[in-house]
Structure formats: structure tokens, C-alpha cells
Amino acid sequence: MASIIADWKQRTPSRKVFDIILVAFACAGFAIIGAWAFYRLGFTKDRGAQDRNYRYMLSVEEMESLKDSVLTEQQVQQLWMDQYVRLAVFSKFYPANAQLITSAAQFSHDPMLVNRMMAACSMYIEDNPDYQAALDKVNRILRDVPQQNQPNVIPWMQGVEWSALKDAIIHDRDLIIEAGNLCGVEPRLIVGCLIGEQIRLFNSKREMFKKYLGPVKVLSVQSQFSYGVNGIKISTAKAIEEHLKDPKSEYYMGSRYEHLLDYGVEGAAQEEQRYNRLVDYRNHLYSYLYTACILHQTMLQWKRAGYDISNRPDVLFTLFNVGFAQSVPKPNPVPGGSHINVQGKVYTFGAIGFDFYYSGEMAEYFPFWRQHFIPGDKELTEEELAYIKGSMSNCKRPPRGLEYAKKDSVQKPHDPLAGDSDDDAFAGTYTPASPL
């Protein structure tokens, strides 16, 4: 060792630098080779460990998926009810997680997924006896209450007529939605007016409606005193058209809508065209357009007077029913309208519309809008106006009752040689109240 040191001291500075560099490279090479060997021999691997909850996680994954199950619609709805109960209890202890699961449930459309999410959270709350006790208490209460098989909580929706009426309304879904979009009115509000009028007609001429509405499932079109599927008077239709054109009117809807109901004719031809618009039994778009205009114009009248009723469907339905003359803005309006007797129980027009609106019925076809009325910021296009004007069937009203019959399904109700009657087959008694 001494000789090596002595030899090192005798070397020139440049040779010493070279020796140092050479030794450094040699050490680096040994280090790299050693690290590679250490890795290849497996000394760097983290063999890990089984999670203590692995069996629980596996059980969550093995829970049945809705896609893999064969459930009736009623069973799926019951699953949702069960999940809502569990989430309500869960939210008392872990509100942040309950909110996340609720938001996910709104998009998943799968109660089984919610069940998995709840089960996954349960791994961390096994040591919370208060939560488990609360959940057990709620479940026990629900078990102690026997399942009731009561009909619809709304009495007038319990009959077979309501089922037939729903089918008839769904058949007009596209027209109602189009009318709502064109007029900036929530289509569900239009349907509320339609239902109030059709229920009123059904119960005023019950036997006639049973003959046609039940088997054929179509809407009644009035043609005397009031017109169309929504029972709009000619004088009301004229007033609607005038309000659209008058910027100084308290009912004015804005420039977008000025040409909504334009005619291409004048005088007697216009009168005939107005009538044909309303009594068209093949295409009800104009009935829905006039209805939407009444709702929008009335809402604006009250809003300009300082009373916002845009979130009061009961009042809007009542005002549609009683007409412009009785629409007097004031604080605290009370809903009401025509009295309608359904199976011995008396309702008001406003109450029937209100019942439907908040019942959830047909929500998949006529969903709730966050904003019930949307002001138009763009003029109606030529295409939209052409669509409206092209929506008339331009056909004569058939013999009474025949418009509600399927082809080749029934005989004509009377001899065609006897002539057509202009009487309204389903005109009912109209007893308006003055609730506002």
C-alpha cells in the first residue's frame, strides 16, 4: 500500500487527473451494474398487502346491476323510494357525501348504482352506531306501515277517462311543444289549460265523450260559443291578435311575436280563416298558439302592474279560463274559475290545472322549465312563420262525431244527405266564477 502511495506521489499532475477520472468511471460502472442486478433480483418490488376491506369491495362489485335484472317499472320505482329514504338518513350524518350521491343518481337513472355507492360509503361508517341506529329506526317505521294500494291521490285522475285523455294529449305532444317554443311559454302550462277544458267538456257531455274519447282517444274540438280543443272564443282570439300588434298594450309580447298570427286575407275571408284555425280537428297548433299567447299576455299584464304571477300556474290557469275582461292585476290573487263536477265532486278550473301541473304526470313528455316564460330576443324566421301558416288542414268539419272515429271503425252518426250540423257536439255548461 505504501509503495502505491509513493508511486502516486511521483506521478505528474496530468497523470493524477487521468487516474482520478478513470477510477470515477470505474466506480460509476460498478454502481450501475449493481443497481441493475439489484432490480433484476426483485429486491425493489413492493409486494403490497391485501386491503382489509377487499371482500367488502368485492361484494359491492358483485351487487346486481339494473341492466342485469328483470324488474317491472313499479319495482324500479320502489327501489328509488328505498334509496331516497336511505339518503335522507345518510344526509343527517354525512351531508357532503349524500349530496354527491344524489347528484350522481340524477344522471345515472339506475337505483342499483346508488345502492353500490351507499354500500361503498358504508365501509367507513360501521363504527358509527348513531347512524346505524337511525337507519334501523326509519326502516322499522316503514316496515310497520302496511303497503297501501290506493288509486291516484287526485280523485279526478282515478277514472279510465284520464288514461284516455293522456294518450290523446301525448299524441299532440310535438304541436304543444312547438307552440310553447314559438311563444316562449312552458308547454306544461299549455297542457294545464287543455286538461281543464277537456275535463270540463267530458263531464258536461259524459255519454258523448265515453263514446268517442274512450275508444278512439282523441281530443274534443268545440265549434259553438267556444272553439277548438281549448275552448277559445272568437272575441278572445281577436283580442289576442290585436295585443300582438299594439306596442302600447299592457299585453304586448314584443316585436318578435307581432306576425305570429298574421293573415294573408282581409274582411270576411279573415273571419272564416280565424274560425277554421280554431276548429281544425286534424291539426290543433293554432289552438295551442292562441292558448300560449293568452298565458304570456296575461303574465305580462300583471308583471307590468307590479305583480309577478309567472310562478303561479293556478292563477294563470284561472285567468285563461275567465278571460281578459276579468284579469285585473292586484295583490294576493285567488285561483278559481269555472266549476267542474267530476264524479260528484266539484273542482274549479284553476284547481284542475294546478293538480295536473304539480302531479308529475307526463313529465317525461312535458318537462318543467326552470323559467316558465322566455322573452323572445330574435324575430320569428320566415321558416317559422311558414310552418305556422302551413299548419291548417283547410278542411271542413265532418259530420258530428265522425271526426272522433277511426277509419272504417264506426258508421256515420247520421245520414249525410240530411246535412251537417254546426252544433257543438260537446259544448258544456259554462259557469264562470269571479275568484280574482
Protein backbone atom coordinates (compact mmCIF):
# COMPACT_ATOMS: atom_id res chain seq x y z
CA MET A 1 0.00 0.00 0.00
CA ALA A 2 2.93 2.30 0.88
CA SER A 3 4.54 1.64 -2.49
CA ILE A 4 1.30 2.53 -4.29
CA ILE A 5 1.08 5.81 -2.41
CA ALA A 6 4.75 6.57 -3.13
CA ASP A 7 4.23 5.80 -6.81
CA TRP A 8 1.15 8.08 -6.86
CA LYS A 9 3.16 10.95 -5.41
CA GLN A 10 5.82 10.64 -8.10
CA ARG A 11 3.30 10.99 -10.98
CA THR A 12 2.76 14.21 -12.85
CA PRO A 13 -0.33 16.32 -12.14
CA SER A 14 -1.88 15.47 -15.53
CA ARG A 15 -1.43 11.75 -14.85
CA LYS A 16 -3.04 12.12 -11.45
CA VAL A 17 -6.09 13.81 -13.05
CA PHE A 18 -6.33 11.00 -15.58
CA ASP A 19 -6.14 8.36 -12.81
CA ILE A 20 -8.86 10.07 -10.82
CA ILE A 21 -11.19 10.22 -13.85
CA LEU A 22 -10.50 6.59 -14.64
CA VAL A 23 -11.32 5.48 -11.09
CA ALA A 24 -14.52 7.58 -11.12
CA PHE A 25 -15.77 5.93 -14.32
CA ALA A 26 -14.95 2.52 -12.88
CA CYS A 27 -16.95 3.22 -9.73
CA ALA A 28 -19.88 4.52 -11.77
CA GLY A 29 -19.86 1.37 -13.86
CA PHE A 30 -19.85 -0.85 -10.81
CA ALA A 31 -22.73 1.18 -9.34
CA ILE A 32 -24.86 0.86 -12.48
CA ILE A 33 -24.20 -2.86 -12.78
CA GLY A 34 -25.02 -3.33 -9.10
CA ALA A 35 -28.28 -1.40 -9.34
CA TRP A 36 -29.33 -3.40 -12.40
CA ALA A 37 -28.61 -6.66 -10.59
CA PHE A 38 -30.48 -5.46 -7.50
CA TYR A 39 -33.53 -4.67 -9.67
CA ARG A 40 -33.40 -7.91 -11.63
CA LEU A 41 -33.22 -9.95 -8.48
CA GLY A 42 -36.52 -8.37 -7.35
CA PHE A 43 -35.24 -6.53 -4.31
CA THR A 44 -37.01 -3.31 -5.45
CA LYS A 45 -40.52 -4.83 -5.78
CA ASP A 46 -43.26 -3.74 -3.32
CA ARG A 47 -45.14 -6.94 -2.82
CA GLY A 48 -48.01 -4.97 -1.18
CA ALA A 49 -50.69 -6.39 1.04
CA GLN A 50 -54.34 -7.28 0.78
CA ASP A 51 -56.70 -4.46 1.75
CA ARG A 52 -58.55 -5.44 4.86
CA ASN A 53 -61.80 -4.50 3.12
CA TYR A 54 -61.16 -6.41 -0.10
CA ARG A 55 -64.02 -8.82 0.50
CA TYR A 56 -66.36 -5.90 1.11
CA MET A 57 -65.22 -4.21 -2.11
CA LEU A 58 -65.81 -7.44 -3.97
CA SER A 59 -69.32 -7.71 -2.56
CA VAL A 60 -70.06 -4.17 -3.79
CA GLU A 61 -68.93 -5.07 -7.31
CA GLU A 62 -70.98 -8.23 -7.23
CA MET A 63 -74.19 -6.34 -6.34
CA GLU A 64 -76.80 -6.73 -9.02
CA SER A 65 -76.91 -4.10 -11.74
CA LEU A 66 -80.20 -2.78 -13.05
CA LYS A 67 -79.09 -3.77 -16.55
CA ASP A 68 -78.73 -7.37 -15.38
CA SER A 69 -82.07 -7.56 -13.59
CA VAL A 70 -85.59 -8.09 -14.82
CA LEU A 71 -87.72 -5.61 -12.90
CA THR A 72 -91.09 -4.07 -13.56
CA GLU A 73 -91.45 -0.31 -13.66
CA GLN A 74 -93.18 -0.44 -10.27
CA GLN A 75 -90.28 -2.41 -8.77
CA VAL A 76 -87.74 0.07 -10.11
CA GLN A 77 -89.76 2.95 -8.64
CA GLN A 78 -89.85 1.17 -5.28
CA LEU A 79 -86.06 0.82 -5.41
CA TRP A 80 -85.77 4.56 -5.90
CA MET A 81 -88.07 5.20 -2.94
CA ASP A 82 -85.91 2.94 -0.76
CA GLN A 83 -82.76 4.78 -1.85
CA TYR A 84 -84.26 8.18 -1.11
CA VAL A 85 -85.06 7.04 2.42
CA ARG A 86 -81.52 5.82 2.96
CA LEU A 87 -80.07 9.02 1.50
CA ALA A 88 -82.26 11.12 3.78
CA VAL A 89 -80.82 9.37 6.86
CA PHE A 90 -77.30 9.43 5.42
CA SER A 91 -77.53 13.19 4.82
CA LYS A 92 -78.10 13.80 8.53
CA PHE A 93 -74.63 12.44 9.27
CA TYR A 94 -72.63 12.97 6.06
CA PRO A 95 -74.35 15.74 4.05
CA ALA A 96 -71.46 16.28 1.60
CA ASN A 97 -71.40 12.61 0.55
CA ALA A 98 -75.20 12.44 0.42
CA GLN A 99 -75.26 15.43 -1.92
CA LEU A 100 -72.67 13.83 -4.22
CA ILE A 101 -74.62 10.58 -4.37
CA THR A 102 -77.89 12.43 -5.01
CA SER A 103 -76.32 14.37 -7.89
CA ALA A 104 -74.94 11.14 -9.36
CA ALA A 105 -78.36 9.50 -9.02
CA GLN A 106 -79.95 12.22 -11.14
CA PHE A 107 -77.69 11.29 -14.04
CA SER A 108 -77.38 7.52 -13.60
CA HIS A 109 -81.07 6.55 -13.91
CA ASP A 110 -80.03 3.38 -12.07
CA PRO A 111 -81.07 2.85 -8.43
CA MET A 112 -78.70 -0.13 -8.26
CA LEU A 113 -75.75 2.22 -8.81
CA VAL A 114 -76.92 4.35 -5.92
CA ASN A 115 -77.11 1.19 -3.85
CA ARG A 116 -73.47 0.45 -4.68
CA MET A 117 -72.37 3.97 -3.82
CA MET A 118 -74.13 3.77 -0.47
CA ALA A 119 -72.56 0.37 0.20
CA ALA A 120 -69.10 1.71 -0.66
CA CYS A 121 -69.51 4.51 1.88
CA SER A 122 -70.73 2.05 4.49
CA MET A 123 -67.18 0.66 4.86
CA TYR A 124 -66.28 3.80 6.76
CA ILE A 125 -69.35 4.14 8.95
CA GLU A 126 -69.53 0.68 10.50
CA ASP A 127 -68.17 2.21 13.70
CA ASN A 128 -70.89 4.89 13.80
CA PRO A 129 -73.64 3.36 15.93
CA ASP A 130 -75.77 6.53 15.80
CA TYR A 131 -76.11 6.35 12.01
CA GLN A 132 -76.96 2.65 12.05
CA ALA A 133 -79.49 3.18 14.85
CA ALA A 134 -81.18 5.99 12.92
CA LEU A 135 -81.32 3.90 9.73
CA ASP A 136 -82.75 0.92 11.64
CA LYS A 137 -85.39 3.16 13.21
CA VAL A 138 -86.54 4.53 9.86
CA ASN A 139 -86.58 1.07 8.29
CA ARG A 140 -88.59 -0.25 11.21
CA ILE A 141 -91.18 2.52 10.86
CA LEU A 142 -91.54 1.78 7.14
CA ARG A 143 -91.91 -1.95 7.79
CA ASP A 144 -94.63 -1.31 10.36
CA VAL A 145 -96.72 0.69 7.86
CA PRO A 146 -98.55 -1.74 5.56
CA GLN A 147 -98.28 -1.11 1.85
CA GLN A 148 -101.42 0.59 0.56
CA ASN A 149 -102.71 0.06 -2.96
CA GLN A 150 -104.68 3.26 -3.13
CA PRO A 151 -105.54 4.83 -6.50
CA ASN A 152 -104.19 8.20 -7.57
CA VAL A 153 -104.31 10.67 -4.69
CA ILE A 154 -106.02 13.16 -7.04
CA PRO A 155 -109.64 11.93 -7.30
CA TRP A 156 -110.40 13.17 -10.81
CA MET A 157 -107.36 11.25 -12.12
CA GLN A 158 -108.69 7.91 -10.88
CA GLY A 159 -111.04 7.13 -13.76
CA VAL A 160 -110.32 5.45 -17.09
CA GLU A 161 -111.14 8.74 -18.79
CA TRP A 162 -107.90 10.25 -17.53
CA SER A 163 -105.88 7.45 -19.12
CA ALA A 164 -107.61 8.04 -22.47
CA LEU A 165 -107.13 11.79 -22.20
CA LYS A 166 -103.42 11.37 -21.51
CA ASP A 167 -103.00 9.29 -24.66
CA ALA A 168 -104.81 11.94 -26.70
CA ILE A 169 -102.62 14.72 -25.28
CA ILE A 170 -99.40 12.79 -25.85
CA HIS A 171 -100.48 12.37 -29.48
CA ASP A 172 -100.32 16.20 -29.75
CA ARG A 173 -97.01 16.49 -27.91
CA ASP A 174 -94.98 17.85 -30.82
CA LEU A 175 -97.57 20.54 -31.62
CA ILE A 176 -97.79 21.65 -27.98
CA ILE A 177 -94.02 21.85 -27.60
CA GLU A 178 -93.72 23.76 -30.87
CA ALA A 179 -96.38 26.24 -29.76
CA GLY A 180 -94.57 26.72 -26.46
CA ASN A 181 -91.25 27.32 -28.16
CA LEU A 182 -92.74 29.75 -30.67
CA CYS A 183 -94.48 31.77 -27.94
CA GLY A 184 -91.88 31.48 -25.19
CA VAL A 185 -94.28 29.62 -22.88
CA GLU A 186 -93.63 26.44 -20.94
CA PRO A 187 -95.58 23.70 -22.80
CA ARG A 188 -96.71 22.21 -19.49
CA LEU A 189 -98.72 25.37 -18.86
CA ILE A 190 -100.47 24.92 -22.21
CA VAL A 191 -101.30 21.33 -21.26
CA GLY A 192 -102.75 22.51 -17.94
CA CYS A 193 -105.23 24.73 -19.79
CA LEU A 194 -106.01 21.92 -22.23
CA ILE A 195 -106.74 19.43 -19.46
CA GLY A 196 -109.01 21.84 -17.61
CA GLU A 197 -111.06 22.42 -20.75
CA GLN A 198 -111.22 18.77 -21.80
CA ILE A 199 -112.21 17.58 -18.31
CA ARG A 200 -114.93 20.23 -18.22
CA LEU A 201 -116.26 19.10 -21.59
CA PHE A 202 -116.10 15.44 -20.71
CA ASN A 203 -118.22 15.85 -17.62
CA SER A 204 -120.76 18.14 -19.27
CA LYS A 205 -121.43 15.64 -22.10
CA ARG A 206 -120.29 12.46 -20.43
CA GLU A 207 -122.08 9.92 -22.61
CA MET A 208 -120.91 11.53 -25.84
CA PHE A 209 -117.33 11.59 -24.60
CA LYS A 210 -117.45 7.98 -23.48
CA LYS A 211 -118.47 7.04 -27.00
CA TYR A 212 -115.53 8.74 -28.68
CA LEU A 213 -112.78 9.76 -26.21
CA GLY A 214 -112.52 6.34 -24.56
CA PRO A 215 -112.32 4.05 -27.61
CA VAL A 216 -110.59 6.44 -30.01
CA LYS A 217 -108.61 8.58 -27.54
CA VAL A 218 -108.85 11.95 -29.28
CA LEU A 219 -109.38 15.48 -28.03
CA SER A 220 -112.73 17.20 -28.33
CA VAL A 221 -112.94 20.13 -30.76
CA GLN A 222 -115.67 22.63 -29.89
CA SER A 223 -117.41 24.53 -32.66
CA GLN A 224 -120.09 26.57 -30.92
CA PHE A 225 -119.71 29.52 -28.49
CA SER A 226 -116.12 28.50 -27.74
CA TYR A 227 -113.84 26.85 -30.27
CA GLY A 228 -111.14 24.27 -30.65
CA VAL A 229 -109.64 21.89 -28.14
CA ASN A 230 -109.10 24.73 -25.64
CA GLY A 231 -112.47 26.42 -25.96
CA ILE A 232 -111.30 29.85 -27.18
CA LYS A 233 -113.97 32.39 -28.08
CA ILE A 234 -113.78 34.31 -31.35
CA SER A 235 -113.74 37.61 -29.44
CA THR A 236 -110.81 36.35 -27.36
CA ALA A 237 -108.91 35.30 -30.48
CA LYS A 238 -109.43 38.79 -31.97
CA ALA A 239 -108.19 40.41 -28.77
CA ILE A 240 -105.07 38.22 -28.78
CA GLU A 241 -104.28 39.24 -32.34
CA GLU A 242 -104.75 42.93 -31.51
CA HIS A 243 -102.48 42.69 -28.45
CA LEU A 244 -99.73 41.22 -30.62
CA LYS A 245 -99.77 44.30 -32.88
CA ASP A 246 -100.11 47.09 -30.30
CA PRO A 247 -96.83 48.15 -28.63
CA LYS A 248 -98.81 50.37 -26.24
CA SER A 249 -100.92 47.48 -24.97
CA GLU A 250 -100.32 46.14 -21.47
CA TYR A 251 -100.48 42.70 -23.11
CA TYR A 252 -97.86 43.41 -25.80
CA MET A 253 -95.44 40.48 -26.13
CA GLY A 254 -92.72 42.24 -28.12
CA SER A 255 -91.74 42.69 -31.75
CA ARG A 256 -90.77 39.04 -32.12
CA TYR A 257 -94.41 37.99 -31.90
CA GLU A 258 -96.10 40.74 -33.95
CA HIS A 259 -96.54 38.50 -37.01
CA LEU A 260 -97.21 35.29 -35.10
CA LEU A 261 -100.88 35.10 -36.10
CA ASP A 262 -100.88 37.13 -39.33
CA TYR A 263 -103.44 36.51 -42.05
CA GLY A 264 -102.93 36.72 -45.78
CA VAL A 265 -106.51 37.90 -46.32
CA GLU A 266 -108.89 40.58 -45.03
CA GLY A 267 -112.54 41.04 -44.18
CA ALA A 268 -114.91 38.08 -44.32
CA ALA A 269 -112.14 35.78 -45.53
CA GLN A 270 -110.17 36.60 -42.40
CA GLU A 271 -113.16 35.82 -40.19
CA GLU A 272 -113.58 32.46 -41.89
CA GLN A 273 -109.88 31.71 -41.57
CA ARG A 274 -109.91 32.56 -37.85
CA TYR A 275 -112.79 30.14 -37.34
CA ASN A 276 -111.05 27.42 -39.34
CA ARG A 277 -107.88 27.86 -37.32
CA LEU A 278 -109.67 27.13 -34.09
CA VAL A 279 -111.97 24.30 -35.17
CA ASP A 280 -109.36 22.41 -37.20
CA TYR A 281 -109.78 18.88 -35.82
CA ARG A 282 -106.77 17.42 -37.65
CA ASN A 283 -104.14 19.93 -36.54
CA HIS A 284 -104.51 21.78 -33.23
CA LEU A 285 -101.43 24.00 -33.49
CA TYR A 286 -103.42 27.23 -33.70
CA SER A 287 -105.45 26.30 -30.61
CA TYR A 288 -102.19 25.89 -28.72
CA LEU A 289 -100.71 29.10 -30.14
CA TYR A 290 -103.72 31.14 -29.01
CA THR A 291 -103.58 29.44 -25.60
CA ALA A 292 -99.87 30.19 -25.21
CA CYS A 293 -100.49 33.82 -26.20
CA ILE A 294 -103.22 34.20 -23.57
CA LEU A 295 -100.86 32.85 -20.89
CA HIS A 296 -97.94 35.05 -21.98
CA GLN A 297 -100.02 38.18 -22.45
CA THR A 298 -101.78 37.81 -19.11
CA MET A 299 -98.50 37.22 -17.29
CA LEU A 300 -97.06 40.40 -18.86
CA GLN A 301 -100.16 42.41 -17.94
CA TRP A 302 -99.75 41.52 -14.27
CA LYS A 303 -95.98 41.90 -14.31
CA ARG A 304 -96.23 45.42 -15.75
CA ALA A 305 -98.71 46.24 -12.98
CA GLY A 306 -96.16 45.13 -10.39
CA TYR A 307 -97.39 41.58 -9.70
CA ASP A 308 -95.34 38.64 -10.91
CA ILE A 309 -97.56 35.57 -11.39
CA SER A 310 -95.15 33.72 -13.67
CA ASN A 311 -94.67 31.14 -10.90
CA ARG A 312 -98.39 30.84 -10.12
CA PRO A 313 -99.77 28.25 -12.56
CA ASP A 314 -103.02 28.08 -10.59
CA VAL A 315 -103.64 31.79 -11.16
CA LEU A 316 -102.56 31.60 -14.80
CA PHE A 317 -105.00 28.73 -15.47
CA THR A 318 -107.78 30.67 -13.77
CA LEU A 319 -107.12 33.79 -15.82
CA PHE A 320 -107.07 31.74 -19.01
CA ASN A 321 -110.48 30.38 -18.04
CA VAL A 322 -112.20 33.63 -17.00
CA GLY A 323 -110.81 35.75 -19.86
CA PHE A 324 -109.15 39.12 -20.34
CA ALA A 325 -112.15 41.05 -19.04
CA GLN A 326 -111.77 39.59 -15.55
CA SER A 327 -107.98 39.80 -15.50
CA VAL A 328 -107.44 42.67 -13.06
CA PRO A 329 -103.96 42.76 -11.51
CA LYS A 330 -103.96 43.00 -7.73
CA PRO A 331 -102.11 41.56 -4.76
CA ASN A 332 -102.85 38.07 -3.46
CA PRO A 333 -104.93 36.67 -6.36
CA VAL A 334 -107.09 33.68 -5.51
CA PRO A 335 -107.38 30.83 -8.05
CA GLY A 336 -110.75 29.52 -9.16
CA GLY A 337 -112.73 29.72 -12.38
CA SER A 338 -115.49 27.56 -13.83
CA HIS A 339 -116.99 24.90 -11.58
CA ILE A 340 -116.46 21.38 -12.88
CA ASN A 341 -118.30 18.42 -11.41
CA VAL A 342 -116.30 15.21 -11.70
CA GLN A 343 -117.97 12.10 -10.30
CA GLY A 344 -119.91 14.11 -7.73
CA LYS A 345 -117.01 16.27 -6.56
CA VAL A 346 -116.80 19.92 -7.62
CA TYR A 347 -113.48 21.41 -8.69
CA THR A 348 -112.54 24.75 -10.17
CA PHE A 349 -110.78 25.13 -13.50
CA GLY A 350 -107.72 26.58 -11.78
CA ALA A 351 -107.55 23.71 -9.30
CA ILE A 352 -107.64 21.04 -12.01
CA GLY A 353 -104.82 22.74 -13.91
CA PHE A 354 -102.87 23.12 -10.66
CA ASP A 355 -103.39 19.43 -9.79
CA PHE A 356 -102.01 18.37 -13.14
CA TYR A 357 -99.11 20.80 -13.20
CA TYR A 358 -97.60 19.59 -9.93
CA SER A 359 -98.70 15.95 -10.18
CA GLY A 360 -95.67 14.90 -12.22
CA GLU A 361 -97.99 13.31 -14.77
CA MET A 362 -96.49 13.23 -18.29
CA ALA A 363 -93.33 14.98 -17.08
CA GLU A 364 -91.31 12.86 -19.49
CA TYR A 365 -93.28 14.40 -22.35
CA PHE A 366 -93.80 17.91 -20.92
CA PRO A 367 -90.93 18.60 -18.51
CA PHE A 368 -90.80 21.52 -16.12
CA TRP A 369 -88.95 24.58 -17.35
CA ARG A 370 -86.80 26.50 -14.88
CA GLN A 371 -88.19 29.68 -16.39
CA HIS A 372 -91.88 29.42 -17.31
CA PHE A 373 -91.83 32.33 -19.77
CA ILE A 374 -88.93 33.23 -22.06
CA PRO A 375 -88.90 36.66 -23.72
CA GLY A 376 -88.04 36.49 -27.39
CA ASP A 377 -84.89 38.32 -28.41
CA LYS A 378 -84.98 37.31 -32.07
CA GLU A 379 -87.60 37.83 -34.72
CA LEU A 380 -89.54 34.78 -35.89
CA THR A 381 -87.88 33.43 -39.00
CA GLU A 382 -89.57 33.05 -42.34
CA GLU A 383 -89.39 29.29 -41.86
CA GLU A 384 -91.17 29.53 -38.50
CA LEU A 385 -93.89 31.76 -39.89
CA ALA A 386 -94.32 29.48 -42.92
CA TYR A 387 -94.62 26.49 -40.58
CA ILE A 388 -97.39 28.21 -38.61
CA LYS A 389 -99.33 29.25 -41.70
CA GLY A 390 -98.95 25.78 -43.21
CA SER A 391 -100.36 24.06 -40.14
CA MET A 392 -104.03 24.35 -41.09
CA SER A 393 -105.74 21.31 -42.51
CA ASN A 394 -108.01 23.60 -44.54
CA CYS A 395 -110.81 21.06 -44.41
CA LYS A 396 -114.45 21.26 -43.48
CA ARG A 397 -115.61 19.95 -40.15
CA PRO A 398 -117.07 16.45 -40.72
CA PRO A 399 -120.47 15.28 -39.55
CA ARG A 400 -120.83 15.47 -35.79
CA GLY A 401 -118.94 12.68 -34.09
CA LEU A 402 -117.27 11.37 -37.22
CA GLU A 403 -114.07 13.33 -36.54
CA TYR A 404 -113.51 11.13 -33.49
CA ALA A 405 -113.90 7.82 -35.28
CA LYS A 406 -111.15 5.69 -36.70
CA LYS A 407 -111.48 4.95 -40.37
CA ASP A 408 -113.88 2.10 -41.10
CA SER A 409 -114.46 1.62 -37.36
CA VAL A 410 -117.92 3.16 -36.95
CA GLN A 411 -120.86 4.19 -39.04
CA LYS A 412 -121.62 7.84 -39.66
CA PRO A 413 -123.78 9.14 -36.82
CA HIS A 414 -126.44 10.39 -39.21
CA ASP A 415 -127.43 10.35 -42.84
CA PRO A 416 -125.03 12.63 -44.76
CA LEU A 417 -127.89 13.66 -47.02
CA ALA A 418 -129.51 15.29 -44.05
CA GLY A 419 -126.71 17.87 -43.96
CA ASP A 420 -124.03 18.68 -41.44
CA SER A 421 -124.87 20.29 -38.15
CA ASP A 422 -122.92 23.27 -36.87
CA ASP A 423 -123.90 22.48 -33.31
CA ASP A 424 -121.11 21.76 -30.89
CA ALA A 425 -121.32 18.08 -30.07
CA PHE A 426 -119.57 18.63 -26.78
CA ALA A 427 -120.48 22.16 -25.73
CA GLY A 428 -120.85 22.10 -21.98
CA THR A 429 -122.43 24.44 -19.49
CA TYR A 430 -120.09 27.23 -18.56
CA THR A 431 -120.45 28.77 -15.12
CA PRO A 432 -117.55 31.15 -14.57
CA ALA A 433 -116.82 32.34 -11.10
CA SER A 434 -115.02 35.58 -10.24
CA PRO A 435 -112.26 34.36 -7.91
CA LEU A 436 -109.81 37.10 -8.71
